[in-house]
Amino acid sequence: LFQLLTNDFSGKHQRLVNKEEFIAFIDDVKISPASRKWPEIQK
């Protein structure tokens, strides 16, 4: 099972998915104005 995380902290990324759905999530990632720091990403 996989989890994808970006700076957007999108709601659909707040769960574990299978490999096929995870790759589909990767294709949808776009440049975002949001920025995060390592501690909040790790948390």
ModelCIF file with pLDDT and N, C-alpha, C, O atoms, coordinates in Angstrom:
data_MODEL
#
_entry.id   MODEL 
#
_entity.id                         1 
_entity.type                       polymer 
_entity.pdbx_number_of_molecules   1 
#
_entity_poly.entity_id                      1 
_entity_poly.type                           'polypeptide(L)' 
_entity_poly.nstd_linkage                   no 
_entity_poly.nstd_monomer                   no 
_entity_poly.pdbx_seq_one_letter_code       LFQLLTNDFSGKHQRLVNKEEFIAFIDDVKISPASRKWPEIQK 
_entity_poly.pdbx_seq_one_letter_code_can   LFQLLTNDFSGKHQRLVNKEEFIAFIDDVKISPASRKWPEIQK 
_entity_poly.pdbx_strand_id                 A 
#
loop_
_entity_poly_seq.entity_id 
_entity_poly_seq.num 
_entity_poly_seq.mon_id 
_entity_poly_seq.hetero 
1 1  LEU n 
1 2  PHE n 
1 3  GLN n 
1 4  LEU n 
1 5  LEU n 
1 6  THR n 
1 7  ASN n 
1 8  ASP n 
1 9  PHE n 
1 10 SER n 
1 11 GLY n 
1 12 LYS n 
1 13 HIS n 
1 14 GLN n 
1 15 ARG n 
1 16 LEU n 
1 17 VAL n 
1 18 ASN n 
1 19 LYS n 
1 20 GLU n 
1 21 GLU n 
1 22 PHE n 
1 23 ILE n 
1 24 ALA n 
1 25 PHE n 
1 26 ILE n 
1 27 ASP n 
1 28 ASP n 
1 29 VAL n 
1 30 LYS n 
1 31 ILE n 
1 32 SER n 
1 33 PRO n 
1 34 ALA n 
1 35 SER n 
1 36 ARG n 
1 37 LYS n 
1 38 TRP n 
1 39 PRO n 
1 40 GLU n 
1 41 ILE n 
1 42 GLN n 
1 43 LYS n 
#
_struct_asym.id          A 
_struct_asym.entity_id   1 
#
loop_
_ma_qa_metric.id 
_ma_qa_metric.mode 
_ma_qa_metric.name 
_ma_qa_metric.software_group_id 
_ma_qa_metric.type 
1 global pLDDT . pLDDT 
2 local  pLDDT . pLDDT 
#
_ma_qa_metric_global.metric_id      1 
_ma_qa_metric_global.metric_value   91.05 
_ma_qa_metric_global.model_id       1 
_ma_qa_metric_global.ordinal_id     1 
#
loop_
_ma_qa_metric_local.label_asym_id 
_ma_qa_metric_local.label_comp_id 
_ma_qa_metric_local.label_seq_id 
_ma_qa_metric_local.metric_id 
_ma_qa_metric_local.metric_value 
_ma_qa_metric_local.model_id 
_ma_qa_metric_local.ordinal_id 
A LEU 1  2 91.00 1 1  
A PHE 2  2 93.00 1 2  
A GLN 3  2 92.00 1 3  
A LEU 4  2 94.00 1 4  
A LEU 5  2 93.00 1 5  
A THR 6  2 94.00 1 6  
A ASN 7  2 93.00 1 7  
A ASP 8  2 92.00 1 8  
A PHE 9  2 91.00 1 9  
A SER 10 2 89.00 1 10 
A GLY 11 2 86.00 1 11 
A LYS 12 2 87.00 1 12 
A HIS 13 2 88.00 1 13 
A GLN 14 2 86.00 1 14 
A ARG 15 2 87.00 1 15 
A LEU 16 2 90.00 1 16 
A VAL 17 2 91.00 1 17 
A ASN 18 2 92.00 1 18 
A LYS 19 2 92.00 1 19 
A GLU 20 2 92.00 1 20 
A GLU 21 2 93.00 1 21 
A PHE 22 2 93.00 1 22 
A ILE 23 2 93.00 1 23 
A ALA 24 2 93.00 1 24 
A PHE 25 2 94.00 1 25 
A ILE 26 2 94.00 1 26 
A ASP 27 2 92.00 1 27 
A ASP 28 2 92.00 1 28 
A VAL 29 2 93.00 1 29 
A LYS 30 2 93.00 1 30 
A ILE 31 2 91.00 1 31 
A SER 32 2 91.00 1 32 
A PRO 33 2 89.00 1 33 
A ALA 34 2 90.00 1 34 
A SER 35 2 88.00 1 35 
A ARG 36 2 91.00 1 36 
A LYS 37 2 91.00 1 37 
A TRP 38 2 90.00 1 38 
A PRO 39 2 90.00 1 39 
A GLU 40 2 91.00 1 40 
A ILE 41 2 91.00 1 41 
A GLN 42 2 90.00 1 42 
A LYS 43 2 89.00 1 43 
#
loop_
_atom_site.group_PDB 
_atom_site.id 
_atom_site.type_symbol 
_atom_site.label_atom_id 
_atom_site.label_alt_id 
_atom_site.label_comp_id 
_atom_site.label_asym_id 
_atom_site.label_entity_id 
_atom_site.label_seq_id 
_atom_site.pdbx_PDB_ins_code 
_atom_site.Cartn_x 
_atom_site.Cartn_y 
_atom_site.Cartn_z 
_atom_site.occupancy 
_atom_site.B_iso_or_equiv 
_atom_site.pdbx_formal_charge 
_atom_site.auth_seq_id 
_atom_site.auth_comp_id 
_atom_site.auth_asym_id 
_atom_site.auth_atom_id 
_atom_site.pdbx_PDB_model_num 
ATOM 1   N N  . LEU A 1 1  ? 0.834  -1.198 0.000   1.00 91.00 ? 1  LEU A N  1 
ATOM 2   C CA . LEU A 1 1  ? 0.000  0.000  0.000   1.00 91.00 ? 1  LEU A CA 1 
ATOM 3   C C  . LEU A 1 1  ? 0.871  1.251  0.000   1.00 91.00 ? 1  LEU A C  1 
ATOM 4   O O  . LEU A 1 1  ? 1.974  1.265  0.545   1.00 91.00 ? 1  LEU A O  1 
ATOM 5   N N  . PHE A 1 2  ? 0.339  2.310  -0.632  1.00 93.00 ? 2  PHE A N  1 
ATOM 6   C CA . PHE A 1 2  ? 1.117  3.517  -0.850  1.00 93.00 ? 2  PHE A CA 1 
ATOM 7   C C  . PHE A 1 2  ? 0.340  4.749  -0.397  1.00 93.00 ? 2  PHE A C  1 
ATOM 8   O O  . PHE A 1 2  ? -0.891 4.761  -0.360  1.00 93.00 ? 2  PHE A O  1 
ATOM 9   N N  . GLN A 1 3  ? 1.112  5.793  -0.050  1.00 92.00 ? 3  GLN A N  1 
ATOM 10  C CA . GLN A 1 3  ? 0.548  7.111  0.216   1.00 92.00 ? 3  GLN A CA 1 
ATOM 11  C C  . GLN A 1 3  ? 1.341  8.143  -0.563  1.00 92.00 ? 3  GLN A C  1 
ATOM 12  O O  . GLN A 1 3  ? 2.571  8.154  -0.501  1.00 92.00 ? 3  GLN A O  1 
ATOM 13  N N  . LEU A 1 4  ? 0.653  9.014  -1.298  1.00 94.00 ? 4  LEU A N  1 
ATOM 14  C CA . LEU A 1 4  ? 1.305  10.126 -1.994  1.00 94.00 ? 4  LEU A CA 1 
ATOM 15  C C  . LEU A 1 4  ? 1.057  11.408 -1.212  1.00 94.00 ? 4  LEU A C  1 
ATOM 16  O O  . LEU A 1 4  ? -0.053 11.656 -0.742  1.00 94.00 ? 4  LEU A O  1 
ATOM 17  N N  . LEU A 1 5  ? 2.099  12.218 -1.077  1.00 93.00 ? 5  LEU A N  1 
ATOM 18  C CA . LEU A 1 5  ? 1.977  13.482 -0.354  1.00 93.00 ? 5  LEU A CA 1 
ATOM 19  C C  . LEU A 1 5  ? 2.652  14.580 -1.161  1.00 93.00 ? 5  LEU A C  1 
ATOM 20  O O  . LEU A 1 5  ? 3.760  14.391 -1.663  1.00 93.00 ? 5  LEU A O  1 
ATOM 21  N N  . THR A 1 6  ? 1.986  15.738 -1.290  1.00 94.00 ? 6  THR A N  1 
ATOM 22  C CA . THR A 1 6  ? 2.556  16.915 -1.930  1.00 94.00 ? 6  THR A CA 1 
ATOM 23  C C  . THR A 1 6  ? 2.405  18.105 -0.984  1.00 94.00 ? 6  THR A C  1 
ATOM 24  O O  . THR A 1 6  ? 1.864  17.958 0.112   1.00 94.00 ? 6  THR A O  1 
ATOM 25  N N  . ASN A 1 7  ? 2.871  19.264 -1.391  1.00 93.00 ? 7  ASN A N  1 
ATOM 26  C CA . ASN A 1 7  ? 2.752  20.459 -0.555  1.00 93.00 ? 7  ASN A CA 1 
ATOM 27  C C  . ASN A 1 7  ? 1.305  20.901 -0.380  1.00 93.00 ? 7  ASN A C  1 
ATOM 28  O O  . ASN A 1 7  ? 1.004  21.673 0.531   1.00 93.00 ? 7  ASN A O  1 
ATOM 29  N N  . ASP A 1 8  ? 0.402  20.424 -1.239  1.00 92.00 ? 8  ASP A N  1 
ATOM 30  C CA . ASP A 1 8  ? -1.003 20.824 -1.135  1.00 92.00 ? 8  ASP A CA 1 
ATOM 31  C C  . ASP A 1 8  ? -1.707 20.167 0.045   1.00 92.00 ? 8  ASP A C  1 
ATOM 32  O O  . ASP A 1 8  ? -2.728 20.672 0.509   1.00 92.00 ? 8  ASP A O  1 
ATOM 33  N N  . PHE A 1 9  ? -1.169 19.028 0.547   1.00 91.00 ? 9  PHE A N  1 
ATOM 34  C CA . PHE A 1 9  ? -1.838 18.265 1.602   1.00 91.00 ? 9  PHE A CA 1 
ATOM 35  C C  . PHE A 1 9  ? -3.295 17.982 1.221   1.00 91.00 ? 9  PHE A C  1 
ATOM 36  O O  . PHE A 1 9  ? -4.208 18.145 2.031   1.00 91.00 ? 9  PHE A O  1 
ATOM 37  N N  . SER A 1 10 ? -3.485 17.560 -0.015  1.00 89.00 ? 10 SER A N  1 
ATOM 38  C CA . SER A 1 10 ? -4.824 17.316 -0.535  1.00 89.00 ? 10 SER A CA 1 
ATOM 39  C C  . SER A 1 10 ? -5.528 16.218 0.261   1.00 89.00 ? 10 SER A C  1 
ATOM 40  O O  . SER A 1 10 ? -4.889 15.286 0.749   1.00 89.00 ? 10 SER A O  1 
ATOM 41  N N  . GLY A 1 11 ? -6.849 16.337 0.385   1.00 86.00 ? 11 GLY A N  1 
ATOM 42  C CA . GLY A 1 11 ? -7.616 15.363 1.156   1.00 86.00 ? 11 GLY A CA 1 
ATOM 43  C C  . GLY A 1 11 ? -7.552 13.962 0.584   1.00 86.00 ? 11 GLY A C  1 
ATOM 44  O O  . GLY A 1 11 ? -7.559 12.987 1.335   1.00 86.00 ? 11 GLY A O  1 
ATOM 45  N N  . LYS A 1 12 ? -7.491 13.847 -0.747  1.00 87.00 ? 12 LYS A N  1 
ATOM 46  C CA . LYS A 1 12 ? -7.472 12.514 -1.356  1.00 87.00 ? 12 LYS A CA 1 
ATOM 47  C C  . LYS A 1 12 ? -6.160 11.790 -1.106  1.00 87.00 ? 12 LYS A C  1 
ATOM 48  O O  . LYS A 1 12 ? -6.069 10.581 -1.317  1.00 87.00 ? 12 LYS A O  1 
ATOM 49  N N  . HIS A 1 13 ? -5.143 12.515 -0.659  1.00 88.00 ? 13 HIS A N  1 
ATOM 50  C CA . HIS A 1 13 ? -3.848 11.905 -0.378  1.00 88.00 ? 13 HIS A CA 1 
ATOM 51  C C  . HIS A 1 13 ? -3.718 11.472 1.075   1.00 88.00 ? 13 HIS A C  1 
ATOM 52  O O  . HIS A 1 13 ? -2.667 10.968 1.469   1.00 88.00 ? 13 HIS A O  1 
ATOM 53  N N  . GLN A 1 14 ? -4.749 11.652 1.871   1.00 86.00 ? 14 GLN A N  1 
ATOM 54  C CA . GLN A 1 14 ? -4.674 11.350 3.292   1.00 86.00 ? 14 GLN A CA 1 
ATOM 55  C C  . GLN A 1 14 ? -5.094 9.915  3.583   1.00 86.00 ? 14 GLN A C  1 
ATOM 56  O O  . GLN A 1 14 ? -5.711 9.647  4.615   1.00 86.00 ? 14 GLN A O  1 
ATOM 57  N N  . ARG A 1 15 ? -4.766 8.993  2.685   1.00 87.00 ? 15 ARG A N  1 
ATOM 58  C CA . ARG A 1 15 ? -5.115 7.588  2.884   1.00 87.00 ? 15 ARG A CA 1 
ATOM 59  C C  . ARG A 1 15 ? -4.150 6.722  2.087   1.00 87.00 ? 15 ARG A C  1 
ATOM 60  O O  . ARG A 1 15 ? -3.440 7.200  1.202   1.00 87.00 ? 15 ARG A O  1 
ATOM 61  N N  . LEU A 1 16 ? -4.142 5.438  2.423   1.00 90.00 ? 16 LEU A N  1 
ATOM 62  C CA . LEU A 1 16 ? -3.307 4.474  1.732   1.00 90.00 ? 16 LEU A CA 1 
ATOM 63  C C  . LEU A 1 16 ? -4.072 3.874  0.562   1.00 90.00 ? 16 LEU A C  1 
ATOM 64  O O  . LEU A 1 16 ? -5.252 3.547  0.688   1.00 90.00 ? 16 LEU A O  1 
ATOM 65  N N  . VAL A 1 17 ? -3.394 3.729  -0.590  1.00 91.00 ? 17 VAL A N  1 
ATOM 66  C CA . VAL A 1 17 ? -4.034 3.218  -1.800  1.00 91.00 ? 17 VAL A CA 1 
ATOM 67  C C  . VAL A 1 17 ? -3.148 2.133  -2.397  1.00 91.00 ? 17 VAL A C  1 
ATOM 68  O O  . VAL A 1 17 ? -1.997 1.964  -1.995  1.00 91.00 ? 17 VAL A O  1 
ATOM 69  N N  . ASN A 1 18 ? -3.700 1.399  -3.364  1.00 92.00 ? 18 ASN A N  1 
ATOM 70  C CA . ASN A 1 18 ? -2.911 0.371  -4.034  1.00 92.00 ? 18 ASN A CA 1 
ATOM 71  C C  . ASN A 1 18 ? -1.981 1.003  -5.076  1.00 92.00 ? 18 ASN A C  1 
ATOM 72  O O  . ASN A 1 18 ? -2.008 2.213  -5.304  1.00 92.00 ? 18 ASN A O  1 
ATOM 73  N N  . LYS A 1 19 ? -1.173 0.168  -5.691  1.00 92.00 ? 19 LYS A N  1 
ATOM 74  C CA . LYS A 1 19 ? -0.159 0.667  -6.609  1.00 92.00 ? 19 LYS A CA 1 
ATOM 75  C C  . LYS A 1 19 ? -0.790 1.377  -7.808  1.00 92.00 ? 19 LYS A C  1 
ATOM 76  O O  . LYS A 1 19 ? -0.316 2.440  -8.208  1.00 92.00 ? 19 LYS A O  1 
ATOM 77  N N  . GLU A 1 20 ? -1.840 0.813  -8.381  1.00 92.00 ? 20 GLU A N  1 
ATOM 78  C CA . GLU A 1 20 ? -2.460 1.401  -9.567  1.00 92.00 ? 20 GLU A CA 1 
ATOM 79  C C  . GLU A 1 20 ? -3.026 2.787  -9.286  1.00 92.00 ? 20 GLU A C  1 
ATOM 80  O O  . GLU A 1 20 ? -2.839 3.711  -10.077 1.00 92.00 ? 20 GLU A O  1 
ATOM 81  N N  . GLU A 1 21 ? -3.716 2.930  -8.159  1.00 93.00 ? 21 GLU A N  1 
ATOM 82  C CA . GLU A 1 21 ? -4.291 4.231  -7.809  1.00 93.00 ? 21 GLU A CA 1 
ATOM 83  C C  . GLU A 1 21 ? -3.189 5.226  -7.450  1.00 93.00 ? 21 GLU A C  1 
ATOM 84  O O  . GLU A 1 21 ? -3.304 6.419  -7.730  1.00 93.00 ? 21 GLU A O  1 
ATOM 85  N N  . PHE A 1 22 ? -2.133 4.730  -6.834  1.00 93.00 ? 22 PHE A N  1 
ATOM 86  C CA . PHE A 1 22 ? -1.008 5.596  -6.473  1.00 93.00 ? 22 PHE A CA 1 
ATOM 87  C C  . PHE A 1 22 ? -0.361 6.200  -7.722  1.00 93.00 ? 22 PHE A C  1 
ATOM 88  O O  . PHE A 1 22 ? -0.058 7.393  -7.742  1.00 93.00 ? 22 PHE A O  1 
ATOM 89  N N  . ILE A 1 23 ? -0.148 5.397  -8.751  1.00 93.00 ? 23 ILE A N  1 
ATOM 90  C CA . ILE A 1 23 ? 0.444  5.906  -9.990  1.00 93.00 ? 23 ILE A CA 1 
ATOM 91  C C  . ILE A 1 23 ? -0.480 6.912  -10.659 1.00 93.00 ? 23 ILE A C  1 
ATOM 92  O O  . ILE A 1 23 ? -0.011 7.884  -11.253 1.00 93.00 ? 23 ILE A O  1 
ATOM 93  N N  . ALA A 1 24 ? -1.802 6.689  -10.570 1.00 93.00 ? 24 ALA A N  1 
ATOM 94  C CA . ALA A 1 24 ? -2.750 7.663  -11.121 1.00 93.00 ? 24 ALA A CA 1 
ATOM 95  C C  . ALA A 1 24 ? -2.662 8.987  -10.374 1.00 93.00 ? 24 ALA A C  1 
ATOM 96  O O  . ALA A 1 24 ? -2.786 10.047 -10.988 1.00 93.00 ? 24 ALA A O  1 
ATOM 97  N N  . PHE A 1 25 ? -2.449 8.947  -9.057  1.00 94.00 ? 25 PHE A N  1 
ATOM 98  C CA . PHE A 1 25 ? -2.273 10.171 -8.277  1.00 94.00 ? 25 PHE A CA 1 
ATOM 99  C C  . PHE A 1 25 ? -1.020 10.930 -8.728  1.00 94.00 ? 25 PHE A C  1 
ATOM 100 O O  . PHE A 1 25 ? -1.025 12.159 -8.798  1.00 94.00 ? 25 PHE A O  1 
ATOM 101 N N  . ILE A 1 26 ? 0.044  10.195 -9.032  1.00 94.00 ? 26 ILE A N  1 
ATOM 102 C CA . ILE A 1 26 ? 1.303  10.835 -9.454  1.00 94.00 ? 26 ILE A CA 1 
ATOM 103 C C  . ILE A 1 26 ? 1.085  11.643 -10.725 1.00 94.00 ? 26 ILE A C  1 
ATOM 104 O O  . ILE A 1 26 ? 1.612  12.748 -10.856 1.00 94.00 ? 26 ILE A O  1 
ATOM 105 N N  . ASP A 1 27 ? 0.310  11.099 -11.665 1.00 92.00 ? 27 ASP A N  1 
ATOM 106 C CA . ASP A 1 27 ? 0.078  11.777 -12.942 1.00 92.00 ? 27 ASP A CA 1 
ATOM 107 C C  . ASP A 1 27 ? -0.632 13.115 -12.754 1.00 92.00 ? 27 ASP A C  1 
ATOM 108 O O  . ASP A 1 27 ? -0.501 13.999 -13.601 1.00 92.00 ? 27 ASP A O  1 
ATOM 109 N N  . ASP A 1 28 ? -1.379 13.282 -11.666 1.00 92.00 ? 28 ASP A N  1 
ATOM 110 C CA . ASP A 1 28 ? -2.166 14.500 -11.439 1.00 92.00 ? 28 ASP A CA 1 
ATOM 111 C C  . ASP A 1 28 ? -1.394 15.595 -10.713 1.00 92.00 ? 28 ASP A C  1 
ATOM 112 O O  . ASP A 1 28 ? -1.928 16.691 -10.537 1.00 92.00 ? 28 ASP A O  1 
ATOM 113 N N  . VAL A 1 29 ? -0.160 15.342 -10.284 1.00 93.00 ? 29 VAL A N  1 
ATOM 114 C CA . VAL A 1 29 ? 0.599  16.326 -9.508  1.00 93.00 ? 29 VAL A CA 1 
ATOM 115 C C  . VAL A 1 29 ? 1.002  17.491 -10.400 1.00 93.00 ? 29 VAL A C  1 
ATOM 116 O O  . VAL A 1 29 ? 1.548  17.291 -11.485 1.00 93.00 ? 29 VAL A O  1 
ATOM 117 N N  . LYS A 1 30 ? 0.731  18.714 -9.937  1.00 93.00 ? 30 LYS A N  1 
ATOM 118 C CA . LYS A 1 30 ? 1.070  19.938 -10.676 1.00 93.00 ? 30 LYS A CA 1 
ATOM 119 C C  . LYS A 1 30 ? 1.844  20.888 -9.749  1.00 93.00 ? 30 LYS A C  1 
ATOM 120 O O  . LYS A 1 30 ? 1.836  20.729 -8.528  1.00 93.00 ? 30 LYS A O  1 
ATOM 121 N N  . ILE A 1 31 ? 2.506  21.869 -10.353 1.00 91.00 ? 31 ILE A N  1 
ATOM 122 C CA . ILE A 1 31 ? 3.195  22.902 -9.575  1.00 91.00 ? 31 ILE A CA 1 
ATOM 123 C C  . ILE A 1 31 ? 2.188  23.658 -8.715  1.00 91.00 ? 31 ILE A C  1 
ATOM 124 O O  . ILE A 1 31 ? 1.091  23.974 -9.175  1.00 91.00 ? 31 ILE A O  1 
ATOM 125 N N  . SER A 1 32 ? 2.555  23.948 -7.470  1.00 91.00 ? 32 SER A N  1 
ATOM 126 C CA . SER A 1 32 ? 1.646  24.597 -6.530  1.00 91.00 ? 32 SER A CA 1 
ATOM 127 C C  . SER A 1 32 ? 2.361  25.754 -5.820  1.00 91.00 ? 32 SER A C  1 
ATOM 128 O O  . SER A 1 32 ? 3.571  25.681 -5.604  1.00 91.00 ? 32 SER A O  1 
ATOM 129 N N  . PRO A 1 33 ? 1.639  26.812 -5.455  1.00 89.00 ? 33 PRO A N  1 
ATOM 130 C CA . PRO A 1 33 ? 2.261  27.909 -4.694  1.00 89.00 ? 33 PRO A CA 1 
ATOM 131 C C  . PRO A 1 33 ? 2.536  27.550 -3.240  1.00 89.00 ? 33 PRO A C  1 
ATOM 132 O O  . PRO A 1 33 ? 3.242  28.284 -2.548  1.00 89.00 ? 33 PRO A O  1 
ATOM 133 N N  . ALA A 1 34 ? 1.990  26.430 -2.763  1.00 90.00 ? 34 ALA A N  1 
ATOM 134 C CA . ALA A 1 34 ? 2.180  26.031 -1.367  1.00 90.00 ? 34 ALA A CA 1 
ATOM 135 C C  . ALA A 1 34 ? 3.606  25.541 -1.140  1.00 90.00 ? 34 ALA A C  1 
ATOM 136 O O  . ALA A 1 34 ? 4.238  25.007 -2.051  1.00 90.00 ? 34 ALA A O  1 
ATOM 137 N N  . SER A 1 35 ? 4.103  25.725 0.067   1.00 88.00 ? 35 SER A N  1 
ATOM 138 C CA . SER A 1 35 ? 5.422  25.223 0.458   1.00 88.00 ? 35 SER A CA 1 
ATOM 139 C C  . SER A 1 35 ? 5.329  24.694 1.885   1.00 88.00 ? 35 SER A C  1 
ATOM 140 O O  . SER A 1 35 ? 4.559  25.205 2.698   1.00 88.00 ? 35 SER A O  1 
ATOM 141 N N  . ARG A 1 36 ? 6.110  23.679 2.180   1.00 91.00 ? 36 ARG A N  1 
ATOM 142 C CA . ARG A 1 36 ? 6.092  23.035 3.495   1.00 91.00 ? 36 ARG A CA 1 
ATOM 143 C C  . ARG A 1 36 ? 7.507  22.867 4.017   1.00 91.00 ? 36 ARG A C  1 
ATOM 144 O O  . ARG A 1 36 ? 8.480  22.914 3.265   1.00 91.00 ? 36 ARG A O  1 
ATOM 145 N N  . LYS A 1 37 ? 7.597  22.668 5.333   1.00 91.00 ? 37 LYS A N  1 
ATOM 146 C CA . LYS A 1 37 ? 8.873  22.387 5.970   1.00 91.00 ? 37 LYS A CA 1 
ATOM 147 C C  . LYS A 1 37 ? 8.937  20.893 6.306   1.00 91.00 ? 37 LYS A C  1 
ATOM 148 O O  . LYS A 1 37 ? 7.915  20.219 6.439   1.00 91.00 ? 37 LYS A O  1 
ATOM 149 N N  . TRP A 1 38 ? 10.174 20.400 6.437   1.00 90.00 ? 38 TRP A N  1 
ATOM 150 C CA . TRP A 1 38 ? 10.355 18.963 6.658   1.00 90.00 ? 38 TRP A CA 1 
ATOM 151 C C  . TRP A 1 38 ? 9.615  18.443 7.885   1.00 90.00 ? 38 TRP A C  1 
ATOM 152 O O  . TRP A 1 38 ? 8.993  17.386 7.781   1.00 90.00 ? 38 TRP A O  1 
ATOM 153 N N  . PRO A 1 39 ? 9.635  19.110 9.042   1.00 90.00 ? 39 PRO A N  1 
ATOM 154 C CA . PRO A 1 39 ? 8.940  18.546 10.209  1.00 90.00 ? 39 PRO A CA 1 
ATOM 155 C C  . PRO A 1 39 ? 7.447  18.306 9.970   1.00 90.00 ? 39 PRO A C  1 
ATOM 156 O O  . PRO A 1 39 ? 6.930  17.263 10.373  1.00 90.00 ? 39 PRO A O  1 
ATOM 157 N N  . GLU A 1 40 ? 6.741  19.238 9.328   1.00 91.00 ? 40 GLU A N  1 
ATOM 158 C CA . GLU A 1 40 ? 5.312  19.023 9.113   1.00 91.00 ? 40 GLU A CA 1 
ATOM 159 C C  . GLU A 1 40 ? 5.064  17.961 8.040   1.00 91.00 ? 40 GLU A C  1 
ATOM 160 O O  . GLU A 1 40 ? 4.050  17.265 8.094   1.00 91.00 ? 40 GLU A O  1 
ATOM 161 N N  . ILE A 1 41 ? 5.969  17.823 7.067   1.00 91.00 ? 41 ILE A N  1 
ATOM 162 C CA . ILE A 1 41 ? 5.838  16.760 6.070   1.00 91.00 ? 41 ILE A CA 1 
ATOM 163 C C  . ILE A 1 41 ? 6.010  15.402 6.744   1.00 91.00 ? 41 ILE A C  1 
ATOM 164 O O  . ILE A 1 41 ? 5.224  14.485 6.508   1.00 91.00 ? 41 ILE A O  1 
ATOM 165 N N  . GLN A 1 42 ? 7.043  15.273 7.586   1.00 90.00 ? 42 GLN A N  1 
ATOM 166 C CA . GLN A 1 42 ? 7.284  14.007 8.270   1.00 90.00 ? 42 GLN A CA 1 
ATOM 167 C C  . GLN A 1 42 ? 6.151  13.660 9.227   1.00 90.00 ? 42 GLN A C  1 
ATOM 168 O O  . GLN A 1 42 ? 5.787  12.492 9.363   1.00 90.00 ? 42 GLN A O  1 
ATOM 169 N N  . LYS A 1 43 ? 5.597  14.663 9.885   1.00 89.00 ? 43 LYS A N  1 
ATOM 170 C CA . LYS A 1 43 ? 4.484  14.405 10.808  1.00 89.00 ? 43 LYS A CA 1 
ATOM 171 C C  . LYS A 1 43 ? 3.258  13.914 10.049  1.00 89.00 ? 43 LYS A C  1 
ATOM 172 O O  . LYS A 1 43 ? 2.222  13.645 10.657  1.00 89.00 ? 43 LYS A O  1 
#
